[in-house]
Amino acid sequence: MSPTPGERTADDPERGDRAFKLPAEIVSRPQQFVEPHLVLPNGQQPNNASNQELNGRVWKTWSLNSPWDPAKHTLTQLVDTVVKQWDR
C-alpha cells in the first residue's frame, strides 16, 4: 500500500524520532530532543540547536519557545507542540 501525500514512511529520511527527558516530578517544561538530521520546514536549524548524548545516542535539542505549563497542559500537548514544529 502506498503512503498518502504528505504521509511519512518508516524508511523516510525526513521522518525522525523524538525524545523527552522527564524528571520524576514535572514542574517545568522538560527538555525535548529530535534526531540530529532534522531541520525545520524552511530548511534551517531551530534557535540555539545543539547535539547532546542521551542514553548512548546523539540527539538534537534546541530552545523551544512555548507557553507549555505542567500546571495547565498535558504531556500530550507538549508532544504535539514539538511534532508540529518539525512537521513538513
N, C-alpha and C. Protein backbone atom coordinates (compact mmCIF):
# COMPACT_ATOMS: atom_id res chain seq x y z
N MET A 1 0.84 -1.17 0.00
CA MET A 1 0.00 0.00 0.00
C MET A 1 0.89 1.24 0.00
N SER A 2 0.60 2.18 -0.86
CA SER A 2 1.40 3.41 -0.97
C SER A 2 0.95 4.42 0.07
N PRO A 3 1.90 5.23 0.59
CA PRO A 3 1.51 6.27 1.54
C PRO A 3 0.69 7.35 0.84
N THR A 4 -0.18 7.99 1.57
CA THR A 4 -0.95 9.10 1.03
C THR A 4 -0.03 10.31 0.94
N PRO A 5 -0.35 11.31 0.10
CA PRO A 5 0.50 12.50 0.01
C PRO A 5 0.72 13.14 1.38
N GLY A 6 1.97 13.43 1.68
CA GLY A 6 2.32 14.04 2.97
C GLY A 6 2.59 13.05 4.07
N GLU A 7 2.23 11.79 3.89
CA GLU A 7 2.45 10.77 4.92
C GLU A 7 3.90 10.33 4.89
N ARG A 8 4.48 10.11 6.07
CA ARG A 8 5.87 9.67 6.17
C ARG A 8 5.90 8.17 6.43
N THR A 9 6.84 7.49 5.79
CA THR A 9 7.00 6.06 6.00
C THR A 9 8.22 5.82 6.88
N ALA A 10 8.36 4.60 7.38
CA ALA A 10 9.44 4.28 8.31
C ALA A 10 10.82 4.48 7.69
N ASP A 11 10.94 4.34 6.37
CA ASP A 11 12.24 4.50 5.72
C ASP A 11 12.47 5.91 5.18
N ASP A 12 11.60 6.84 5.48
CA ASP A 12 11.71 8.22 5.02
C ASP A 12 12.82 8.93 5.78
N PRO A 13 13.82 9.52 5.07
CA PRO A 13 14.93 10.17 5.77
C PRO A 13 14.53 11.44 6.51
N GLU A 14 13.36 12.01 6.18
CA GLU A 14 12.92 13.23 6.87
C GLU A 14 12.10 12.91 8.12
N ARG A 15 11.71 11.67 8.26
CA ARG A 15 10.99 11.26 9.45
C ARG A 15 12.04 11.07 10.55
N GLY A 16 11.72 11.40 11.76
CA GLY A 16 12.71 11.24 12.81
C GLY A 16 12.08 10.96 14.15
N ASP A 17 12.85 10.32 15.00
CA ASP A 17 12.41 10.05 16.36
C ASP A 17 12.43 11.33 17.18
N ARG A 18 11.61 11.37 18.18
CA ARG A 18 11.61 12.46 19.15
C ARG A 18 11.75 11.83 20.52
N ALA A 19 12.35 12.57 21.45
CA ALA A 19 12.52 12.06 22.81
C ALA A 19 12.36 13.21 23.80
N PHE A 20 11.98 12.87 25.01
CA PHE A 20 11.86 13.85 26.09
C PHE A 20 12.56 13.28 27.31
N LYS A 21 13.27 14.13 28.01
CA LYS A 21 13.92 13.72 29.25
C LYS A 21 13.01 14.17 30.39
N LEU A 22 12.32 13.20 31.00
CA LEU A 22 11.31 13.52 32.00
C LEU A 22 11.81 13.23 33.41
N PRO A 23 11.78 14.24 34.27
CA PRO A 23 12.14 14.01 35.68
C PRO A 23 10.98 13.30 36.39
N ALA A 24 11.22 12.81 37.59
CA ALA A 24 10.17 12.13 38.36
C ALA A 24 8.98 13.05 38.59
N GLU A 25 9.25 14.30 38.88
CA GLU A 25 8.18 15.29 39.09
C GLU A 25 8.38 16.41 38.07
N ILE A 26 7.37 16.62 37.26
CA ILE A 26 7.48 17.63 36.20
C ILE A 26 6.95 18.96 36.72
N VAL A 27 7.87 19.91 36.93
CA VAL A 27 7.49 21.23 37.44
C VAL A 27 7.77 22.34 36.42
N SER A 28 8.41 21.97 35.31
CA SER A 28 8.66 22.91 34.22
C SER A 28 8.71 22.11 32.92
N ARG A 29 8.84 22.80 31.79
CA ARG A 29 8.85 22.11 30.51
C ARG A 29 10.08 21.21 30.40
N PRO A 30 9.88 19.92 30.14
CA PRO A 30 11.02 19.02 30.00
C PRO A 30 11.80 19.32 28.72
N GLN A 31 13.06 18.96 28.73
CA GLN A 31 13.90 19.15 27.55
C GLN A 31 13.45 18.17 26.46
N GLN A 32 13.43 18.65 25.24
CA GLN A 32 12.99 17.84 24.11
C GLN A 32 14.16 17.59 23.17
N PHE A 33 14.09 16.46 22.47
CA PHE A 33 15.16 16.04 21.58
C PHE A 33 14.58 15.48 20.29
N VAL A 34 15.30 15.64 19.18
CA VAL A 34 14.96 15.01 17.91
C VAL A 34 16.24 14.46 17.30
N GLU A 35 16.11 13.67 16.26
CA GLU A 35 17.29 13.17 15.58
C GLU A 35 18.06 14.33 14.96
N PRO A 36 19.40 14.27 14.99
CA PRO A 36 20.22 15.40 14.55
C PRO A 36 20.04 15.82 13.09
N HIS A 37 19.61 14.93 12.22
CA HIS A 37 19.48 15.29 10.79
C HIS A 37 18.26 16.15 10.48
N LEU A 38 17.31 16.26 11.40
CA LEU A 38 16.10 17.01 11.11
C LEU A 38 16.36 18.52 11.06
N VAL A 39 15.70 19.18 10.14
CA VAL A 39 15.72 20.64 10.03
C VAL A 39 14.27 21.11 10.00
N LEU A 40 14.06 22.40 10.22
CA LEU A 40 12.72 22.98 10.20
C LEU A 40 12.17 22.97 8.78
N PRO A 41 10.86 23.15 8.61
CA PRO A 41 10.28 23.16 7.27
C PRO A 41 10.94 24.16 6.31
N ASN A 42 11.53 25.23 6.85
CA ASN A 42 12.20 26.21 5.99
C ASN A 42 13.64 25.82 5.67
N GLY A 43 14.08 24.63 6.14
CA GLY A 43 15.42 24.14 5.86
C GLY A 43 16.48 24.62 6.84
N GLN A 44 16.08 25.42 7.80
CA GLN A 44 17.02 25.99 8.78
C GLN A 44 17.02 25.18 10.07
N GLN A 45 18.02 25.45 10.90
CA GLN A 45 18.09 24.87 12.25
C GLN A 45 17.23 25.71 13.19
N PRO A 46 16.68 25.12 14.24
CA PRO A 46 15.93 25.90 15.22
C PRO A 46 16.88 26.75 16.07
N ASN A 47 16.32 27.65 16.87
CA ASN A 47 17.12 28.52 17.74
C ASN A 47 17.95 27.72 18.72
N ASN A 48 19.21 28.10 18.83
CA ASN A 48 20.13 27.52 19.81
C ASN A 48 20.21 26.00 19.75
N ALA A 49 20.25 25.45 18.56
CA ALA A 49 20.33 23.99 18.40
C ALA A 49 21.71 23.49 18.83
N SER A 50 21.72 22.36 19.49
CA SER A 50 22.97 21.71 19.88
C SER A 50 22.73 20.21 19.96
N ASN A 51 23.80 19.45 19.85
CA ASN A 51 23.70 18.00 19.97
C ASN A 51 24.10 17.58 21.37
N GLN A 52 23.38 16.60 21.90
CA GLN A 52 23.67 16.05 23.22
C GLN A 52 23.49 14.55 23.18
N GLU A 53 24.27 13.87 24.01
CA GLU A 53 24.12 12.42 24.12
C GLU A 53 23.08 12.12 25.19
N LEU A 54 22.21 11.20 24.87
CA LEU A 54 21.16 10.77 25.80
C LEU A 54 21.05 9.25 25.66
N ASN A 55 21.40 8.54 26.71
CA ASN A 55 21.35 7.07 26.70
C ASN A 55 22.15 6.47 25.54
N GLY A 56 23.35 7.00 25.30
CA GLY A 56 24.23 6.44 24.29
C GLY A 56 23.90 6.81 22.86
N ARG A 57 23.01 7.74 22.67
CA ARG A 57 22.59 8.15 21.33
C ARG A 57 22.68 9.67 21.22
N VAL A 58 23.11 10.18 20.07
CA VAL A 58 23.21 11.63 19.88
C VAL A 58 21.86 12.17 19.40
N TRP A 59 21.40 13.23 20.06
CA TRP A 59 20.14 13.89 19.75
C TRP A 59 20.39 15.38 19.59
N LYS A 60 19.47 16.04 18.87
CA LYS A 60 19.50 17.50 18.77
C LYS A 60 18.49 18.05 19.76
N THR A 61 18.88 19.09 20.49
CA THR A 61 17.95 19.81 21.35
C THR A 61 18.02 21.28 20.95
N TRP A 62 17.07 22.07 21.37
CA TRP A 62 17.01 23.46 20.95
C TRP A 62 16.16 24.27 21.91
N SER A 63 16.19 25.56 21.72
CA SER A 63 15.39 26.47 22.53
C SER A 63 13.98 26.50 21.95
N LEU A 64 13.03 25.96 22.67
CA LEU A 64 11.64 25.89 22.22
C LEU A 64 10.85 27.00 22.88
N ASN A 65 10.32 27.88 22.07
CA ASN A 65 9.50 28.98 22.58
C ASN A 65 8.07 28.48 22.66
N SER A 66 7.64 28.10 23.85
CA SER A 66 6.31 27.53 24.03
C SER A 66 5.77 27.91 25.40
N PRO A 67 4.48 28.24 25.46
CA PRO A 67 3.88 28.57 26.75
C PRO A 67 3.47 27.34 27.56
N TRP A 68 3.97 26.15 27.19
CA TRP A 68 3.56 24.93 27.87
C TRP A 68 3.87 25.03 29.35
N ASP A 69 2.89 24.70 30.16
CA ASP A 69 2.99 24.77 31.63
C ASP A 69 2.40 23.49 32.21
N PRO A 70 3.17 22.73 33.00
CA PRO A 70 2.66 21.45 33.52
C PRO A 70 1.43 21.60 34.40
N ALA A 71 1.20 22.79 34.95
CA ALA A 71 0.01 23.01 35.78
C ALA A 71 -1.25 23.19 34.92
N LYS A 72 -1.06 23.52 33.65
CA LYS A 72 -2.20 23.82 32.78
C LYS A 72 -2.33 22.87 31.59
N HIS A 73 -1.23 22.24 31.19
CA HIS A 73 -1.22 21.45 29.97
C HIS A 73 -0.79 20.01 30.23
N THR A 74 -1.14 19.14 29.29
CA THR A 74 -0.77 17.73 29.40
C THR A 74 0.54 17.48 28.64
N LEU A 75 1.17 16.34 28.92
CA LEU A 75 2.36 15.95 28.16
C LEU A 75 2.02 15.72 26.70
N THR A 76 0.83 15.24 26.42
CA THR A 76 0.39 15.06 25.03
C THR A 76 0.41 16.39 24.29
N GLN A 77 -0.01 17.46 24.95
CA GLN A 77 0.01 18.78 24.32
C GLN A 77 1.45 19.22 24.03
N LEU A 78 2.39 18.89 24.92
CA LEU A 78 3.78 19.23 24.69
C LEU A 78 4.32 18.45 23.49
N VAL A 79 4.04 17.16 23.44
CA VAL A 79 4.49 16.34 22.32
C VAL A 79 3.92 16.90 21.01
N ASP A 80 2.65 17.25 21.00
CA ASP A 80 2.04 17.83 19.81
C ASP A 80 2.75 19.11 19.38
N THR A 81 3.12 19.95 20.34
CA THR A 81 3.83 21.20 20.04
C THR A 81 5.17 20.91 19.37
N VAL A 82 5.91 19.96 19.91
CA VAL A 82 7.21 19.61 19.35
C VAL A 82 7.06 19.01 17.95
N VAL A 83 6.14 18.08 17.79
CA VAL A 83 5.93 17.43 16.49
C VAL A 83 5.54 18.47 15.44
N LYS A 84 4.65 19.39 15.78
CA LYS A 84 4.22 20.41 14.82
C LYS A 84 5.35 21.31 14.37
N GLN A 85 6.33 21.55 15.24
CA GLN A 85 7.45 22.40 14.86
C GLN A 85 8.24 21.76 13.72
N TRP A 86 8.29 20.44 13.67
CA TRP A 86 9.09 19.73 12.66
C TRP A 86 8.24 19.24 11.50
N ASP A 87 6.94 19.41 11.59
CA ASP A 87 6.02 18.93 10.54
C ASP A 87 6.33 19.59 9.21
N ARG A 88 6.25 18.84 8.16
CA ARG A 88 6.52 19.38 6.81
C ARG A 88 5.27 19.43 6.01
